[in-house]
Every structure is written in C-alpha cells, then in structure tokens.
Amino acid sequence: MSDIVTPDLILASTSRYRADLLRRLRVPFSQRAPDVDETRRSGESPVELALRLAAEKAAAVARSARDAWVIGSDQVCMLGDEALGKPGSHAAAVDQLQRLSGRQAVFHTAVCVIAPDGTQQVRNCPTEVEFRRLSQPEIEAYLRIDQPYDCAGSAKSEALGPALLRQMRSNDPTALVGLPLIDLCEMLRRSGYDVLARAQASA
C-alpha cells in the first residue's frame, strides 16, 4: 500500500464530457458548478473569451476550496471573428452547422489549473477543423442522432461528428472533446500534482 496521500482535485464544471475525459487519468476528483457569467465582452476575441472563462471558472471554485487543485476549462468555436458557443436548441444548431458547412473553424479549448498555494496556469489548445459541405438532410440527420445541443459548434467529435468533417489538426486529440489532457497533465505536474503517482496510489 502506497503512503502517498491523494490530495483533493476538483473539476470546476458539471460537463459530463470533461468528467469522462478526466476519469481517463484514474485519479479521484469531484465536480463543482462554477458561478460564472459566460457573456462575451465587447471587443473580446474568441481566444480571449475561452482563456478568461477557464480562469474565472477555476477561480470561482478555488475561493472555497483553498486546499485543492482546481481545474477550469472552456471551449469556444471561432468562425472568422465570430464566437460560436453551445447552441442550446435544434434551430440554433441547424444555423451553426449551416454556417460551418464547407468552412474551416478553430475550436479554442482553454484550461486553467489553480494549485493550493494559489499559483495559476492558463493555456489554450486550438484545434483546426474543416467541415465538408453539408446538405440540409445531412444536418437534420446528424442532429437527430447526436443531439449536440450542449457542444460548442454543434458537433461531437467523440461521437458521429467526424462524419461532418474533412480534416482536423491539433496537438492534443482530447482538446476538441473539451479538456486537453496532455496540457492538463503537464500543468498539474508543474504545480506539484503528480498524476501517475496519484493514479498508482488510488489503484
């Protein structure tokens, strides 16, 4: 039995997609909902929006969990200078996919880690995605099957979403799903949280 004491790790999100990704690391964690206004500020770029919200979500939870490592994350789909968030409805998802059809978008997935000593790290992991030209019947069929109404850009890359794409480029395949695990592991390691040691201790 290892004598390593597993510290608290909190995911400042109620997203089931981010929780599923974090479970891959085999470390215990809890989830808390951050109370953050996600409205885009005037003149704020999609990248700035994603970075700010990831940091604000982590900070909102860290204020009441000072002995824990807190993870915040946010994703914004950038189409030109436009920021596409979660559609929230079928009609909004149809509109997003119509605009994305035949075009290239960049999904900015930001992650923030706040350590118990208060140090903060924030990074963005972009994913370039090229959508093929989509017919209206294809859009309707996809939305009926995947129902990606809580996903930025109205597509789930971990489900049927790749059927809509021509290609994608990223340094981290998990970023598009919602949490860049490669960056996250490095950030945790830098802040004193050794993912492999903690996973071994909890095995």
N, C-alpha and C. Protein backbone atom coordinates (compact mmCIF):
# COMPACT_ATOMS: atom_id res chain seq x y z
N MET A 1 0.85 -1.19 0.00
CA MET A 1 0.00 0.00 0.00
C MET A 1 0.89 1.24 0.00
N SER A 2 0.66 2.15 -0.94
CA SER A 2 1.46 3.37 -1.02
C SER A 2 1.08 4.31 0.11
N ASP A 3 2.11 5.07 0.59
CA ASP A 3 1.84 6.04 1.65
C ASP A 3 1.59 7.43 1.08
N ILE A 4 1.45 7.54 -0.24
CA ILE A 4 1.15 8.83 -0.86
C ILE A 4 -0.29 9.21 -0.51
N VAL A 5 -0.46 10.41 -0.01
CA VAL A 5 -1.79 10.91 0.31
C VAL A 5 -2.35 11.62 -0.91
N THR A 6 -3.48 11.16 -1.40
CA THR A 6 -4.07 11.77 -2.58
C THR A 6 -4.74 13.09 -2.21
N PRO A 7 -4.29 14.20 -2.78
CA PRO A 7 -4.90 15.49 -2.46
C PRO A 7 -6.21 15.67 -3.20
N ASP A 8 -6.93 16.69 -2.82
CA ASP A 8 -8.19 16.97 -3.49
C ASP A 8 -7.94 17.47 -4.90
N LEU A 9 -8.76 17.03 -5.83
CA LEU A 9 -8.75 17.51 -7.20
C LEU A 9 -10.19 17.82 -7.57
N ILE A 10 -10.44 19.03 -8.00
CA ILE A 10 -11.81 19.45 -8.29
C ILE A 10 -11.91 19.93 -9.74
N LEU A 11 -12.89 19.42 -10.44
CA LEU A 11 -13.20 19.88 -11.78
C LEU A 11 -14.30 20.93 -11.66
N ALA A 12 -13.96 22.17 -12.02
CA ALA A 12 -14.92 23.27 -11.90
C ALA A 12 -15.84 23.27 -13.12
N SER A 13 -16.62 22.22 -13.22
CA SER A 13 -17.52 22.04 -14.36
C SER A 13 -18.49 20.92 -14.05
N THR A 14 -19.70 21.03 -14.60
CA THR A 14 -20.66 19.94 -14.50
C THR A 14 -20.74 19.15 -15.81
N SER A 15 -19.83 19.45 -16.75
CA SER A 15 -19.84 18.80 -18.05
C SER A 15 -19.53 17.31 -17.94
N ARG A 16 -20.40 16.49 -18.49
CA ARG A 16 -20.14 15.05 -18.47
C ARG A 16 -19.01 14.69 -19.42
N TYR A 17 -18.80 15.49 -20.46
CA TYR A 17 -17.71 15.22 -21.41
C TYR A 17 -16.36 15.44 -20.74
N ARG A 18 -16.22 16.55 -20.01
CA ARG A 18 -14.95 16.81 -19.32
C ARG A 18 -14.73 15.80 -18.20
N ALA A 19 -15.79 15.43 -17.51
CA ALA A 19 -15.64 14.44 -16.45
C ALA A 19 -15.20 13.09 -17.01
N ASP A 20 -15.76 12.69 -18.13
CA ASP A 20 -15.36 11.42 -18.75
C ASP A 20 -13.88 11.45 -19.16
N LEU A 21 -13.42 12.59 -19.67
CA LEU A 21 -12.01 12.72 -20.04
C LEU A 21 -11.12 12.64 -18.81
N LEU A 22 -11.48 13.36 -17.75
CA LEU A 22 -10.65 13.38 -16.54
C LEU A 22 -10.58 12.00 -15.90
N ARG A 23 -11.63 11.21 -16.04
CA ARG A 23 -11.62 9.85 -15.48
C ARG A 23 -10.55 8.98 -16.13
N ARG A 24 -10.14 9.32 -17.34
CA ARG A 24 -9.09 8.54 -18.00
C ARG A 24 -7.78 8.57 -17.21
N LEU A 25 -7.57 9.61 -16.42
CA LEU A 25 -6.33 9.74 -15.66
C LEU A 25 -6.30 8.88 -14.41
N ARG A 26 -7.42 8.24 -14.08
CA ARG A 26 -7.51 7.29 -12.96
C ARG A 26 -7.18 7.93 -11.62
N VAL A 27 -7.53 9.21 -11.46
CA VAL A 27 -7.33 9.88 -10.17
C VAL A 27 -8.69 10.31 -9.63
N PRO A 28 -8.86 10.27 -8.32
CA PRO A 28 -10.14 10.69 -7.74
C PRO A 28 -10.33 12.20 -7.87
N PHE A 29 -11.55 12.61 -8.16
CA PHE A 29 -11.85 14.03 -8.25
C PHE A 29 -13.33 14.23 -7.97
N SER A 30 -13.68 15.47 -7.69
CA SER A 30 -15.07 15.84 -7.53
C SER A 30 -15.40 16.94 -8.53
N GLN A 31 -16.68 17.18 -8.74
CA GLN A 31 -17.13 18.23 -9.64
C GLN A 31 -17.92 19.28 -8.87
N ARG A 32 -17.69 20.53 -9.21
CA ARG A 32 -18.48 21.62 -8.64
C ARG A 32 -18.85 22.58 -9.77
N ALA A 33 -20.04 23.12 -9.67
CA ALA A 33 -20.50 24.06 -10.69
C ALA A 33 -19.99 25.46 -10.37
N PRO A 34 -19.24 26.09 -11.29
CA PRO A 34 -18.78 27.45 -11.05
C PRO A 34 -19.89 28.45 -11.38
N ASP A 35 -19.99 29.49 -10.56
CA ASP A 35 -20.99 30.53 -10.80
C ASP A 35 -20.30 31.65 -11.58
N VAL A 36 -20.37 31.56 -12.90
CA VAL A 36 -19.64 32.49 -13.77
C VAL A 36 -20.55 32.97 -14.89
N ASP A 37 -20.53 34.25 -15.16
CA ASP A 37 -21.26 34.83 -16.29
C ASP A 37 -20.43 34.60 -17.55
N GLU A 38 -20.98 33.83 -18.50
CA GLU A 38 -20.22 33.46 -19.70
C GLU A 38 -20.45 34.39 -20.88
N THR A 39 -21.04 35.55 -20.62
CA THR A 39 -21.29 36.52 -21.70
C THR A 39 -19.98 37.06 -22.27
N ARG A 40 -19.91 37.11 -23.57
CA ARG A 40 -18.72 37.64 -24.23
C ARG A 40 -18.66 39.16 -24.06
N ARG A 41 -17.50 39.67 -23.71
CA ARG A 41 -17.32 41.09 -23.50
C ARG A 41 -17.09 41.80 -24.83
N SER A 42 -17.42 43.07 -24.87
CA SER A 42 -17.24 43.88 -26.07
C SER A 42 -15.77 43.89 -26.48
N GLY A 43 -15.50 43.56 -27.75
CA GLY A 43 -14.15 43.57 -28.27
C GLY A 43 -13.31 42.36 -27.89
N GLU A 44 -13.89 41.42 -27.16
CA GLU A 44 -13.15 40.24 -26.72
C GLU A 44 -13.08 39.20 -27.84
N SER A 45 -11.88 38.73 -28.15
CA SER A 45 -11.72 37.72 -29.20
C SER A 45 -12.16 36.36 -28.66
N PRO A 46 -12.45 35.41 -29.55
CA PRO A 46 -12.81 34.06 -29.09
C PRO A 46 -11.74 33.43 -28.21
N VAL A 47 -10.46 33.66 -28.55
CA VAL A 47 -9.37 33.11 -27.74
C VAL A 47 -9.39 33.73 -26.35
N GLU A 48 -9.51 35.04 -26.29
CA GLU A 48 -9.55 35.73 -25.00
C GLU A 48 -10.74 35.28 -24.17
N LEU A 49 -11.87 35.06 -24.82
CA LEU A 49 -13.07 34.60 -24.13
C LEU A 49 -12.84 33.24 -23.49
N ALA A 50 -12.29 32.30 -24.25
CA ALA A 50 -12.05 30.95 -23.73
C ALA A 50 -11.07 30.97 -22.56
N LEU A 51 -9.98 31.73 -22.69
CA LEU A 51 -8.98 31.81 -21.63
C LEU A 51 -9.56 32.45 -20.37
N ARG A 52 -10.31 33.54 -20.56
CA ARG A 52 -10.89 34.22 -19.40
C ARG A 52 -11.88 33.33 -18.66
N LEU A 53 -12.76 32.66 -19.40
CA LEU A 53 -13.77 31.83 -18.75
C LEU A 53 -13.16 30.63 -18.04
N ALA A 54 -12.13 30.02 -18.64
CA ALA A 54 -11.46 28.90 -17.97
C ALA A 54 -10.88 29.36 -16.64
N ALA A 55 -10.24 30.55 -16.63
CA ALA A 55 -9.64 31.08 -15.41
C ALA A 55 -10.71 31.47 -14.39
N GLU A 56 -11.78 32.08 -14.86
CA GLU A 56 -12.83 32.52 -13.94
C GLU A 56 -13.56 31.33 -13.32
N LYS A 57 -13.77 30.28 -14.09
CA LYS A 57 -14.43 29.09 -13.55
C LYS A 57 -13.58 28.44 -12.46
N ALA A 58 -12.28 28.32 -12.73
CA ALA A 58 -11.39 27.73 -11.73
C ALA A 58 -11.34 28.60 -10.48
N ALA A 59 -11.23 29.92 -10.66
CA ALA A 59 -11.14 30.83 -9.52
C ALA A 59 -12.42 30.83 -8.68
N ALA A 60 -13.57 30.71 -9.34
CA ALA A 60 -14.85 30.72 -8.62
C ALA A 60 -14.94 29.57 -7.64
N VAL A 61 -14.41 28.41 -8.04
CA VAL A 61 -14.44 27.24 -7.16
C VAL A 61 -13.28 27.26 -6.16
N ALA A 62 -12.12 27.73 -6.61
CA ALA A 62 -10.93 27.74 -5.74
C ALA A 62 -11.11 28.63 -4.52
N ARG A 63 -11.95 29.64 -4.62
CA ARG A 63 -12.16 30.54 -3.48
C ARG A 63 -12.70 29.82 -2.26
N SER A 64 -13.43 28.74 -2.48
CA SER A 64 -13.98 27.98 -1.34
C SER A 64 -13.33 26.60 -1.21
N ALA A 65 -12.21 26.40 -1.91
CA ALA A 65 -11.50 25.11 -1.84
C ALA A 65 -10.00 25.37 -1.92
N ARG A 66 -9.49 26.08 -0.92
CA ARG A 66 -8.11 26.55 -0.97
C ARG A 66 -7.07 25.45 -0.76
N ASP A 67 -7.49 24.27 -0.33
CA ASP A 67 -6.55 23.17 -0.13
C ASP A 67 -6.57 22.18 -1.29
N ALA A 68 -7.18 22.58 -2.40
CA ALA A 68 -7.34 21.66 -3.53
C ALA A 68 -6.71 22.20 -4.81
N TRP A 69 -6.47 21.28 -5.72
CA TRP A 69 -6.13 21.65 -7.09
C TRP A 69 -7.46 21.79 -7.84
N VAL A 70 -7.65 22.90 -8.51
CA VAL A 70 -8.92 23.16 -9.19
C VAL A 70 -8.66 23.34 -10.69
N ILE A 71 -9.48 22.65 -11.49
CA ILE A 71 -9.36 22.70 -12.95
C ILE A 71 -10.56 23.42 -13.53
N GLY A 72 -10.30 24.44 -14.32
CA GLY A 72 -11.36 25.13 -15.06
C GLY A 72 -11.10 25.00 -16.55
N SER A 73 -12.14 24.92 -17.34
CA SER A 73 -11.96 24.80 -18.78
C SER A 73 -13.13 25.43 -19.52
N ASP A 74 -12.85 25.88 -20.73
CA ASP A 74 -13.90 26.44 -21.56
C ASP A 74 -13.52 26.24 -23.02
N GLN A 75 -14.54 26.13 -23.87
CA GLN A 75 -14.28 25.95 -25.29
C GLN A 75 -15.14 26.91 -26.10
N VAL A 76 -14.50 27.54 -27.09
CA VAL A 76 -15.19 28.46 -27.99
C VAL A 76 -14.82 28.09 -29.41
N CYS A 77 -15.82 27.98 -30.26
CA CYS A 77 -15.60 27.73 -31.69
C CYS A 77 -15.47 29.07 -32.40
N MET A 78 -14.35 29.28 -33.08
CA MET A 78 -14.11 30.54 -33.78
C MET A 78 -14.32 30.34 -35.28
N LEU A 79 -15.28 31.05 -35.84
CA LEU A 79 -15.56 31.03 -37.26
C LEU A 79 -15.32 32.45 -37.76
N GLY A 80 -14.16 32.68 -38.38
CA GLY A 80 -13.76 34.03 -38.70
C GLY A 80 -13.51 34.77 -37.40
N ASP A 81 -14.17 35.89 -37.19
CA ASP A 81 -14.07 36.63 -35.93
C ASP A 81 -15.24 36.33 -35.00
N GLU A 82 -16.10 35.42 -35.43
CA GLU A 82 -17.30 35.11 -34.67
C GLU A 82 -17.05 33.98 -33.68
N ALA A 83 -17.61 34.09 -32.50
CA ALA A 83 -17.50 33.04 -31.49
C ALA A 83 -18.80 32.26 -31.43
N LEU A 84 -18.70 30.96 -31.68
CA LEU A 84 -19.88 30.09 -31.60
C LEU A 84 -19.81 29.28 -30.30
N GLY A 85 -20.82 29.42 -29.48
CA GLY A 85 -20.86 28.67 -28.23
C GLY A 85 -21.79 27.48 -28.35
N LYS A 86 -22.36 27.06 -27.23
CA LYS A 86 -23.30 25.95 -27.22
C LYS A 86 -24.61 26.42 -27.85
N PRO A 87 -25.17 25.68 -28.80
CA PRO A 87 -26.38 26.16 -29.47
C PRO A 87 -27.60 26.19 -28.55
N GLY A 88 -27.76 25.17 -27.72
CA GLY A 88 -28.86 25.16 -26.77
C GLY A 88 -30.20 24.73 -27.33
N SER A 89 -30.35 24.74 -28.66
CA SER A 89 -31.62 24.34 -29.27
C SER A 89 -31.36 23.76 -30.65
N HIS A 90 -32.36 23.06 -31.18
CA HIS A 90 -32.22 22.47 -32.51
C HIS A 90 -32.06 23.54 -33.58
N ALA A 91 -32.88 24.58 -33.51
CA ALA A 91 -32.82 25.64 -34.52
C ALA A 91 -31.47 26.33 -34.53
N ALA A 92 -30.91 26.59 -33.34
CA ALA A 92 -29.61 27.25 -33.27
C ALA A 92 -28.50 26.33 -33.78
N ALA A 93 -28.63 25.02 -33.53
CA ALA A 93 -27.64 24.06 -34.02
C ALA A 93 -27.68 23.97 -35.54
N VAL A 94 -28.88 23.97 -36.12
CA VAL A 94 -29.01 23.98 -37.58
C VAL A 94 -28.31 25.21 -38.16
N ASP A 95 -28.55 26.35 -37.56
CA ASP A 95 -27.94 27.59 -38.03
C ASP A 95 -26.41 27.52 -37.95
N GLN A 96 -25.87 26.98 -36.85
CA GLN A 96 -24.43 26.88 -36.72
C GLN A 96 -23.83 25.96 -37.78
N LEU A 97 -24.43 24.81 -37.98
CA LEU A 97 -23.88 23.86 -38.95
C LEU A 97 -24.03 24.38 -40.38
N GLN A 98 -25.06 25.12 -40.67
CA GLN A 98 -25.19 25.74 -41.99
C GLN A 98 -24.05 26.72 -42.23
N ARG A 99 -23.70 27.49 -41.20
CA ARG A 99 -22.61 28.45 -41.34
C ARG A 99 -21.24 27.77 -41.39
N LEU A 100 -21.11 26.63 -40.71
CA LEU A 100 -19.83 25.91 -40.70
C LEU A 100 -19.63 25.08 -41.95
N SER A 101 -20.68 24.77 -42.67
CA SER A 101 -20.61 23.92 -43.86
C SER A 101 -19.59 24.45 -44.87
N GLY A 102 -18.64 23.59 -45.24
CA GLY A 102 -17.64 23.93 -46.25
C GLY A 102 -16.57 24.91 -45.79
N ARG A 103 -16.51 25.18 -44.49
CA ARG A 103 -15.58 26.19 -43.98
C ARG A 103 -14.65 25.61 -42.91
N GLN A 104 -13.61 26.35 -42.61
CA GLN A 104 -12.68 25.97 -41.55
C GLN A 104 -12.95 26.80 -40.31
N ALA A 105 -12.98 26.13 -39.17
CA ALA A 105 -13.17 26.80 -37.89
C ALA A 105 -12.05 26.37 -36.95
N VAL A 106 -11.84 27.15 -35.92
CA VAL A 106 -10.85 26.81 -34.90
C VAL A 106 -11.56 26.70 -33.55
N PHE A 107 -11.45 25.54 -32.93
CA PHE A 107 -12.01 25.33 -31.60
C PHE A 107 -10.92 25.62 -30.58
N HIS A 108 -11.12 26.68 -29.81
CA HIS A 108 -10.16 27.04 -28.78
C HIS A 108 -10.61 26.42 -27.46
N THR A 109 -9.80 25.49 -26.94
CA THR A 109 -10.11 24.84 -25.67
C THR A 109 -9.10 25.29 -24.64
N ALA A 110 -9.55 26.12 -23.72
CA ALA A 110 -8.67 26.66 -22.69
C ALA A 110 -8.80 25.86 -21.41
N VAL A 111 -7.69 25.75 -20.68
CA VAL A 111 -7.70 25.04 -19.41
C VAL A 111 -6.90 25.86 -18.40
N CYS A 112 -7.39 25.88 -17.18
CA CYS A 112 -6.73 26.60 -16.08
C CYS A 112 -6.58 25.66 -14.90
N VAL A 113 -5.42 25.70 -14.26
CA VAL A 113 -5.17 24.94 -13.04
C VAL A 113 -4.75 25.92 -11.94
N ILE A 114 -5.46 25.88 -10.82
CA ILE A 114 -5.09 26.67 -9.64
C ILE A 114 -4.69 25.69 -8.55
N ALA A 115 -3.46 25.85 -8.05
CA ALA A 115 -2.92 24.96 -7.03
C ALA A 115 -3.30 25.44 -5.63
N PRO A 116 -3.12 24.59 -4.61
CA PRO A 116 -3.44 25.01 -3.25
C PRO A 116 -2.67 26.24 -2.78
N ASP A 117 -1.47 26.47 -3.34
CA ASP A 117 -0.71 27.66 -2.94
C ASP A 117 -1.15 28.91 -3.69
N GLY A 118 -2.17 28.78 -4.53
CA GLY A 118 -2.71 29.93 -5.24
C GLY A 118 -2.12 30.20 -6.61
N THR A 119 -1.07 29.48 -6.98
CA THR A 119 -0.49 29.69 -8.30
C THR A 119 -1.46 29.24 -9.37
N GLN A 120 -1.46 29.97 -10.48
CA GLN A 120 -2.42 29.72 -11.55
C GLN A 120 -1.70 29.58 -12.89
N GLN A 121 -2.12 28.59 -13.65
CA GLN A 121 -1.63 28.40 -15.02
C GLN A 121 -2.83 28.36 -15.95
N VAL A 122 -2.70 29.01 -17.10
CA VAL A 122 -3.78 29.01 -18.09
C VAL A 122 -3.18 28.77 -19.47
N ARG A 123 -3.77 27.88 -20.22
CA ARG A 123 -3.30 27.58 -21.57
C ARG A 123 -4.49 27.42 -22.52
N ASN A 124 -4.20 27.61 -23.79
CA ASN A 124 -5.19 27.36 -24.84
C ASN A 124 -4.66 26.29 -25.78
N CYS A 125 -5.49 25.34 -26.13
CA CYS A 125 -5.11 24.29 -27.07
C CYS A 125 -6.05 24.36 -28.27
N PRO A 126 -5.62 24.97 -29.39
CA PRO A 126 -6.50 25.12 -30.55
C PRO A 126 -6.58 23.85 -31.40
N THR A 127 -7.73 23.65 -31.99
CA THR A 127 -7.93 22.56 -32.94
C THR A 127 -8.55 23.14 -34.21
N GLU A 128 -7.84 22.98 -35.32
CA GLU A 128 -8.36 23.44 -36.61
C GLU A 128 -9.24 22.35 -37.20
N VAL A 129 -10.45 22.73 -37.56
CA VAL A 129 -11.42 21.77 -38.08
C VAL A 129 -11.98 22.28 -39.40
N GLU A 130 -11.92 21.44 -40.42
CA GLU A 130 -12.52 21.79 -41.71
C GLU A 130 -13.76 20.93 -41.92
N PHE A 131 -14.90 21.60 -42.04
CA PHE A 131 -16.16 20.91 -42.29
C PHE A 131 -16.34 20.70 -43.79
N ARG A 132 -16.84 19.55 -44.18
CA ARG A 132 -17.18 19.35 -45.58
C ARG A 132 -18.50 20.05 -45.86
N ARG A 133 -18.87 20.17 -47.11
CA ARG A 133 -20.15 20.80 -47.45
C ARG A 133 -21.29 19.88 -47.01
N LEU A 134 -22.19 20.45 -46.25
CA LEU A 134 -23.27 19.65 -45.65
C LEU A 134 -24.61 20.03 -46.26
N SER A 135 -25.37 19.01 -46.65
CA SER A 135 -26.72 19.25 -47.14
C SER A 135 -27.67 19.41 -45.95
N GLN A 136 -28.82 19.99 -46.19
CA GLN A 136 -29.79 20.16 -45.12
C GLN A 136 -30.25 18.81 -44.54
N PRO A 137 -30.53 17.79 -45.40
CA PRO A 137 -30.90 16.48 -44.84
C PRO A 137 -29.78 15.89 -43.97
N GLU A 138 -28.51 16.11 -44.36
CA GLU A 138 -27.40 15.60 -43.55
C GLU A 138 -27.36 16.28 -42.19
N ILE A 139 -27.56 17.58 -42.18
CA ILE A 139 -27.56 18.33 -40.92
C ILE A 139 -28.68 17.84 -40.01
N GLU A 140 -29.87 17.69 -40.58
CA GLU A 140 -31.00 17.24 -39.78
C GLU A 140 -30.78 15.83 -39.25
N ALA A 141 -30.25 14.94 -40.09
CA ALA A 141 -30.00 13.56 -39.66
C ALA A 141 -28.97 13.52 -38.54
N TYR A 142 -27.90 14.29 -38.70
CA TYR A 142 -26.86 14.30 -37.67
C TYR A 142 -27.42 14.81 -36.34
N LEU A 143 -28.15 15.90 -36.38
CA LEU A 143 -28.66 16.48 -35.14
C LEU A 143 -29.65 15.55 -34.45
N ARG A 144 -30.45 14.83 -35.21
CA ARG A 144 -31.39 13.89 -34.61
C ARG A 144 -30.65 12.76 -33.88
N ILE A 145 -29.52 12.35 -34.45
CA ILE A 145 -28.78 11.21 -33.86
C ILE A 145 -27.93 11.65 -32.67
N ASP A 146 -27.09 12.69 -32.86
CA ASP A 146 -26.13 13.07 -31.82
C ASP A 146 -26.67 14.07 -30.80
N GLN A 147 -27.63 14.89 -31.20
CA GLN A 147 -28.21 15.92 -30.33
C GLN A 147 -27.12 16.70 -29.57
N PRO A 148 -26.24 17.39 -30.31
CA PRO A 148 -25.09 18.07 -29.69
C PRO A 148 -25.41 19.49 -29.22
N TYR A 149 -26.54 19.65 -28.58
CA TYR A 149 -27.02 21.00 -28.25
C TYR A 149 -26.24 21.65 -27.10
N ASP A 150 -25.42 20.83 -26.40
CA ASP A 150 -24.58 21.38 -25.34
C ASP A 150 -23.11 21.39 -25.73
N CYS A 151 -22.85 21.38 -27.04
CA CYS A 151 -21.48 21.36 -27.55
C CYS A 151 -21.22 22.59 -28.42
N ALA A 152 -20.13 23.29 -28.17
CA ALA A 152 -19.76 24.43 -29.00
C ALA A 152 -19.59 23.99 -30.45
N GLY A 153 -20.21 24.72 -31.37
CA GLY A 153 -20.11 24.36 -32.77
C GLY A 153 -21.06 23.28 -33.22
N SER A 154 -21.89 22.75 -32.32
CA SER A 154 -22.95 21.79 -32.66
C SER A 154 -22.45 20.48 -33.25
N ALA A 155 -21.29 20.00 -32.74
CA ALA A 155 -20.79 18.71 -33.22
C ALA A 155 -20.03 18.01 -32.11
N LYS A 156 -20.19 16.68 -32.03
CA LYS A 156 -19.48 15.88 -31.04
C LYS A 156 -18.39 15.07 -31.75
N SER A 157 -17.14 15.44 -31.53
CA SER A 157 -16.05 14.74 -32.21
C SER A 157 -15.89 13.32 -31.70
N GLU A 158 -16.35 13.05 -30.45
CA GLU A 158 -16.20 11.72 -29.88
C GLU A 158 -17.35 10.80 -30.27
N ALA A 159 -18.32 11.32 -31.01
CA ALA A 159 -19.46 10.51 -31.44
C ALA A 159 -19.52 10.50 -32.97
N LEU A 160 -20.63 10.95 -33.55
CA LEU A 160 -20.81 10.89 -35.00
C LEU A 160 -20.25 12.13 -35.71
N GLY A 161 -19.77 13.10 -34.95
CA GLY A 161 -19.27 14.34 -35.52
C GLY A 161 -18.25 14.21 -36.63
N PRO A 162 -17.29 13.25 -36.57
CA PRO A 162 -16.32 13.11 -37.66
C PRO A 162 -16.95 12.90 -39.03
N ALA A 163 -18.21 12.44 -39.09
CA ALA A 163 -18.88 12.26 -40.38
C ALA A 163 -19.15 13.60 -41.06
N LEU A 164 -19.05 14.70 -40.31
CA LEU A 164 -19.27 16.03 -40.87
C LEU A 164 -17.99 16.68 -41.36
N LEU A 165 -16.84 16.07 -41.06
CA LEU A 165 -15.56 16.75 -41.24
C LEU A 165 -14.78 16.26 -42.45
N ARG A 166 -13.94 17.17 -42.95
CA ARG A 166 -12.97 16.81 -43.98
C ARG A 166 -11.63 16.49 -43.35
N GLN A 167 -11.23 17.31 -42.35
CA GLN A 167 -9.99 17.05 -41.64
C GLN A 167 -9.94 17.88 -40.35
N MET A 168 -9.01 17.50 -39.46
CA MET A 168 -8.79 18.27 -38.25
C MET A 168 -7.33 18.17 -37.86
N ARG A 169 -6.82 19.24 -37.21
CA ARG A 169 -5.43 19.29 -36.79
C ARG A 169 -5.34 19.84 -35.38
N SER A 170 -4.61 19.10 -34.52
CA SER A 170 -4.45 19.53 -33.14
C SER A 170 -3.25 18.83 -32.53
N ASN A 171 -2.65 19.45 -31.50
CA ASN A 171 -1.57 18.81 -30.76
C ASN A 171 -2.10 17.86 -29.70
N ASP A 172 -3.40 17.86 -29.47
CA ASP A 172 -3.98 17.02 -28.43
C ASP A 172 -5.36 16.54 -28.88
N PRO A 173 -5.52 15.25 -29.13
CA PRO A 173 -6.80 14.74 -29.62
C PRO A 173 -7.95 14.89 -28.64
N THR A 174 -7.65 15.10 -27.35
CA THR A 174 -8.73 15.25 -26.38
C THR A 174 -9.25 16.68 -26.28
N ALA A 175 -8.51 17.63 -26.86
CA ALA A 175 -8.90 19.03 -26.73
C ALA A 175 -10.28 19.30 -27.33
N LEU A 176 -10.55 18.74 -28.50
CA LEU A 176 -11.81 19.02 -29.18
C LEU A 176 -13.00 18.48 -28.39
N VAL A 177 -12.79 17.44 -27.60
CA VAL A 177 -13.87 16.90 -26.78
C VAL A 177 -14.18 17.84 -25.61
N GLY A 178 -13.17 18.61 -25.17
CA GLY A 178 -13.46 19.59 -24.12
C GLY A 178 -12.44 19.78 -23.03
N LEU A 179 -11.39 18.92 -22.98
CA LEU A 179 -10.37 19.06 -21.94
C LEU A 179 -9.05 18.51 -22.48
N PRO A 180 -8.06 19.38 -22.77
CA PRO A 180 -6.78 18.91 -23.34
C PRO A 180 -5.93 18.21 -22.28
N LEU A 181 -5.96 16.89 -22.26
CA LEU A 181 -5.32 16.13 -21.19
C LEU A 181 -3.80 16.23 -21.20
N ILE A 182 -3.18 16.38 -22.38
CA ILE A 182 -1.72 16.50 -22.42
C ILE A 182 -1.28 17.76 -21.70
N ASP A 183 -1.89 18.89 -22.05
CA ASP A 183 -1.58 20.14 -21.36
C ASP A 183 -1.94 20.06 -19.88
N LEU A 184 -3.10 19.49 -19.58
CA LEU A 184 -3.55 19.41 -18.20
C LEU A 184 -2.56 18.63 -17.34
N CYS A 185 -2.09 17.49 -17.82
CA CYS A 185 -1.15 16.68 -17.04
C CYS A 185 0.15 17.43 -16.77
N GLU A 186 0.62 18.15 -17.77
CA GLU A 186 1.85 18.93 -17.58
C GLU A 186 1.63 20.06 -16.57
N MET A 187 0.48 20.72 -16.67
CA MET A 187 0.19 21.81 -15.74
C MET A 187 0.05 21.30 -14.31
N LEU A 188 -0.61 20.17 -14.13
CA LEU A 188 -0.72 19.59 -12.80
C LEU A 188 0.66 19.20 -12.26
N ARG A 189 1.47 18.61 -13.12
CA ARG A 189 2.83 18.21 -12.70
C ARG A 189 3.64 19.42 -12.26
N ARG A 190 3.55 20.51 -13.01
CA ARG A 190 4.27 21.74 -12.67
C ARG A 190 3.81 22.33 -11.34
N SER A 191 2.55 22.07 -10.99
CA SER A 191 2.00 22.64 -9.76
C SER A 191 2.15 21.70 -8.56
N GLY A 192 2.83 20.57 -8.76
CA GLY A 192 3.09 19.66 -7.65
C GLY A 192 2.14 18.48 -7.55
N TYR A 193 1.28 18.31 -8.55
CA TYR A 193 0.34 17.18 -8.55
C TYR A 193 0.84 16.17 -9.58
N ASP A 194 1.37 15.05 -9.11
CA ASP A 194 1.92 14.02 -9.99
C ASP A 194 0.81 13.04 -10.35
N VAL A 195 0.30 13.14 -11.58
CA VAL A 195 -0.84 12.33 -12.00
C VAL A 195 -0.53 10.83 -11.91
N LEU A 196 0.64 10.42 -12.38
CA LEU A 196 0.95 8.98 -12.36
C LEU A 196 1.06 8.45 -10.94
N ALA A 197 1.71 9.20 -10.05
CA ALA A 197 1.83 8.76 -8.66
C ALA A 197 0.46 8.68 -7.99
N ARG A 198 -0.40 9.67 -8.26
CA ARG A 198 -1.72 9.67 -7.65
C ARG A 198 -2.59 8.54 -8.21
N ALA A 199 -2.44 8.28 -9.50
CA ALA A 199 -3.20 7.18 -10.10
C ALA A 199 -2.77 5.85 -9.52
N GLN A 200 -1.46 5.68 -9.31
CA GLN A 200 -0.94 4.45 -8.72
C GLN A 200 -1.44 4.30 -7.29
N ALA A 201 -1.46 5.41 -6.55
CA ALA A 201 -1.89 5.35 -5.16
C ALA A 201 -3.35 5.00 -5.01
N SER A 202 -4.16 5.39 -6.01
CA SER A 202 -5.59 5.13 -5.90
C SER A 202 -6.02 3.84 -6.59
N ALA A 203 -5.06 3.16 -7.22
CA ALA A 203 -5.39 1.91 -7.94
C ALA A 203 -5.76 0.80 -6.96
